[in-house]
Amino acid sequence: MGKGNKGGASVVAAPTVVAGAGTAAATSKPGILAVKPGVALRGARAAWYAVLLAHNGKPVAEFLATCAANPPSLPKSGVAEKPQGWLGYFLRTNVAQVVQP
């Protein structure tokens, strides 16, 4: 394809189906953060980990609200990154877990 060709395949996401939607069983419970202490990180990861560690045993929503209001680090662009992305990183790397109260 040439440089000027903007066409291409589009990605369409299938809608998700929630079993028991609209019932009490479908409501989500707030999760509590369980953070692994003593993880050695550098740079922005260390800054976000410090805030995550400070929220150990607290609700996930509190961590997200704190980081959205005052991000621990900013990239060179100056645009704050989403705290959900950082939480996802820490969950994938098993630094943190979300447990039910």
C-alpha atoms as a PDB file:
ATOM      1  CA  MET A   1       0.000   0.000   0.000  1.00  0.00           C
ATOM      2  CA  GLY A   2       1.157   3.464  -0.766  1.00  0.00           C
ATOM      3  CA  LYS A   3       1.837   6.212   1.703  1.00  0.00           C
ATOM      4  CA  GLY A   4      -1.327   8.092   0.876  1.00  0.00           C
ATOM      5  CA  ASN A   5      -3.610   5.099   1.252  1.00  0.00           C
ATOM      6  CA  LYS A   6      -5.536   5.549   4.495  1.00  0.00           C
ATOM      7  CA  GLY A   7      -7.755   2.512   3.983  1.00  0.00           C
ATOM      8  CA  GLY A   8      -7.294  -0.729   5.804  1.00  0.00           C
ATOM      9  CA  ALA A   9      -8.993  -3.280   7.912  1.00  0.00           C
ATOM     10  CA  SER A  10     -11.013  -1.928  10.774  1.00  0.00           C
ATOM     11  CA  VAL A  11     -11.204  -3.720  14.094  1.00  0.00           C
ATOM     12  CA  VAL A  12     -14.664  -4.256  15.510  1.00  0.00           C
ATOM     13  CA  ALA A  13     -14.974  -5.347  19.108  1.00  0.00           C
ATOM     14  CA  ALA A  14     -17.732  -7.782  19.930  1.00  0.00           C
ATOM     15  CA  PRO A  15     -20.095  -6.606  22.647  1.00  0.00           C
ATOM     16  CA  THR A  16     -19.652  -8.347  25.952  1.00  0.00           C
ATOM     17  CA  VAL A  17     -22.486 -10.213  27.594  1.00  0.00           C
ATOM     18  CA  VAL A  18     -22.783 -10.107  31.344  1.00  0.00           C
ATOM     19  CA  ALA A  19     -24.532 -13.069  32.904  1.00  0.00           C
ATOM     20  CA  GLY A  20     -27.156 -11.890  35.318  1.00  0.00           C
ATOM     21  CA  ALA A  21     -26.967  -8.267  34.197  1.00  0.00           C
ATOM     22  CA  GLY A  22     -29.303  -6.067  36.195  1.00  0.00           C
ATOM     23  CA  THR A  23     -29.452  -8.457  39.128  1.00  0.00           C
ATOM     24  CA  ALA A  24     -27.724  -8.288  42.502  1.00  0.00           C
ATOM     25  CA  ALA A  25     -25.368 -11.080  41.416  1.00  0.00           C
ATOM     26  CA  ALA A  26     -23.984  -8.916  38.598  1.00  0.00           C
ATOM     27  CA  THR A  27     -22.924  -6.034  40.816  1.00  0.00           C
ATOM     28  CA  SER A  28     -19.201  -5.789  41.421  1.00  0.00           C
ATOM     29  CA  LYS A  29     -17.675  -5.623  44.851  1.00  0.00           C
ATOM     30  CA  PRO A  30     -14.947  -3.085  45.603  1.00  0.00           C
ATOM     31  CA  GLY A  31     -11.498  -4.643  45.589  1.00  0.00           C
ATOM     32  CA  ILE A  32      -8.760  -4.153  48.152  1.00  0.00           C
ATOM     33  CA  LEU A  33      -5.120  -3.806  47.103  1.00  0.00           C
ATOM     34  CA  ALA A  34      -2.593  -6.370  48.334  1.00  0.00           C
ATOM     35  CA  VAL A  35       0.901  -5.127  47.429  1.00  0.00           C
ATOM     36  CA  LYS A  36       4.109  -7.155  47.576  1.00  0.00           C
ATOM     37  CA  PRO A  37       6.654  -5.204  49.666  1.00  0.00           C
ATOM     38  CA  GLY A  38      10.337  -4.769  48.826  1.00  0.00           C
ATOM     39  CA  VAL A  39      10.144  -4.731  45.027  1.00  0.00           C
ATOM     40  CA  ALA A  40      13.149  -2.959  43.470  1.00  0.00           C
ATOM     41  CA  LEU A  41      12.116  -0.613  40.662  1.00  0.00           C
ATOM     42  CA  ARG A  42      13.579   2.525  39.091  1.00  0.00           C
ATOM     43  CA  GLY A  43      12.266   5.745  37.595  1.00  0.00           C
ATOM     44  CA  ALA A  44       8.555   6.201  37.001  1.00  0.00           C
ATOM     45  CA  ARG A  45       7.847   2.614  38.044  1.00  0.00           C
ATOM     46  CA  ALA A  46       9.389   3.307  41.452  1.00  0.00           C
ATOM     47  CA  ALA A  47       7.317   6.480  41.871  1.00  0.00           C
ATOM     48  CA  TRP A  48       4.059   4.701  41.010  1.00  0.00           C
ATOM     49  CA  TYR A  49       5.040   1.721  43.178  1.00  0.00           C
ATOM     50  CA  ALA A  50       5.600   4.013  46.180  1.00  0.00           C
ATOM     51  CA  VAL A  51       2.041   5.334  45.887  1.00  0.00           C
ATOM     52  CA  LEU A  52       0.735   1.802  45.329  1.00  0.00           C
ATOM     53  CA  LEU A  53       2.566   0.613  48.452  1.00  0.00           C
ATOM     54  CA  ALA A  54       1.066   3.489  50.439  1.00  0.00           C
ATOM     55  CA  HIS A  55      -2.390   2.214  49.412  1.00  0.00           C
ATOM     56  CA  ASN A  56      -1.741  -1.377  50.517  1.00  0.00           C
ATOM     57  CA  GLY A  57      -4.915  -2.683  52.188  1.00  0.00           C
ATOM     58  CA  LYS A  58      -7.032   0.197  50.879  1.00  0.00           C
ATOM     59  CA  PRO A  59      -9.704   0.157  48.142  1.00  0.00           C
ATOM     60  CA  VAL A  60      -8.591   0.237  44.520  1.00  0.00           C
ATOM     61  CA  ALA A  61     -10.848   3.231  43.873  1.00  0.00           C
ATOM     62  CA  GLU A  62      -8.910   5.269  46.438  1.00  0.00           C
ATOM     63  CA  PHE A  63      -5.593   4.522  44.669  1.00  0.00           C
ATOM     64  CA  LEU A  64      -7.074   5.468  41.294  1.00  0.00           C
ATOM     65  CA  ALA A  65      -8.569   8.711  42.629  1.00  0.00           C
ATOM     66  CA  THR A  66      -5.346   9.742  44.362  1.00  0.00           C
ATOM     67  CA  CYS A  67      -3.218   9.105  41.282  1.00  0.00           C
ATOM     68  CA  ALA A  68      -5.682  10.825  38.941  1.00  0.00           C
ATOM     69  CA  ALA A  69      -5.642  13.945  41.117  1.00  0.00           C
ATOM     70  CA  ASN A  70      -1.871  13.975  41.665  1.00  0.00           C
ATOM     71  CA  PRO A  71       0.144  11.638  39.383  1.00  0.00           C
ATOM     72  CA  PRO A  72       3.408  10.381  40.945  1.00  0.00           C
ATOM     73  CA  SER A  73       5.360  11.068  37.736  1.00  0.00           C
ATOM     74  CA  LEU A  74       4.802  12.732  34.393  1.00  0.00           C
ATOM     75  CA  PRO A  75       6.338  11.741  31.051  1.00  0.00           C
ATOM     76  CA  LYS A  76       8.277  14.273  28.989  1.00  0.00           C
ATOM     77  CA  SER A  77       5.080  15.216  27.142  1.00  0.00           C
ATOM     78  CA  GLY A  78       3.624  16.514  30.413  1.00  0.00           C
ATOM     79  CA  VAL A  79       0.353  14.644  29.888  1.00  0.00           C
ATOM     80  CA  ALA A  80      -0.525  12.481  32.887  1.00  0.00           C
ATOM     81  CA  GLU A  81      -0.798   8.743  32.276  1.00  0.00           C
ATOM     82  CA  LYS A  82      -3.903   6.877  33.341  1.00  0.00           C
ATOM     83  CA  PRO A  83      -3.592   5.196  36.751  1.00  0.00           C
ATOM     84  CA  GLN A  84      -5.599   2.229  35.404  1.00  0.00           C
ATOM     85  CA  GLY A  85      -2.710   1.448  33.065  1.00  0.00           C
ATOM     86  CA  TRP A  86      -0.192   1.462  35.887  1.00  0.00           C
ATOM     87  CA  LEU A  87      -2.460  -0.665  38.057  1.00  0.00           C
ATOM     88  CA  GLY A  88      -2.767  -3.128  35.175  1.00  0.00           C
ATOM     89  CA  TYR A  89       1.037  -3.258  34.876  1.00  0.00           C
ATOM     90  CA  PHE A  90       1.461  -4.031  38.568  1.00  0.00           C
ATOM     91  CA  LEU A  91      -1.253  -6.693  38.419  1.00  0.00           C
ATOM     92  CA  ARG A  92       0.331  -8.370  35.349  1.00  0.00           C
ATOM     93  CA  THR A  93       3.774  -8.449  36.974  1.00  0.00           C
ATOM     94  CA  ASN A  94       2.335  -9.875  40.239  1.00  0.00           C
ATOM     95  CA  VAL A  95       3.523  -6.913  42.271  1.00  0.00           C
ATOM     96  CA  ALA A  96      -0.059  -6.317  43.409  1.00  0.00           C
ATOM     97  CA  GLN A  97      -3.314  -8.228  43.632  1.00  0.00           C
ATOM     98  CA  VAL A  98      -6.906  -7.123  44.012  1.00  0.00           C
ATOM     99  CA  VAL A  99      -8.626  -9.156  46.703  1.00  0.00           C
ATOM    100  CA  GLN A 100     -12.249  -9.120  47.754  1.00  0.00           C
ATOM    101  CA  PRO A 101     -12.974  -7.794  51.264  1.00  0.00           C
END
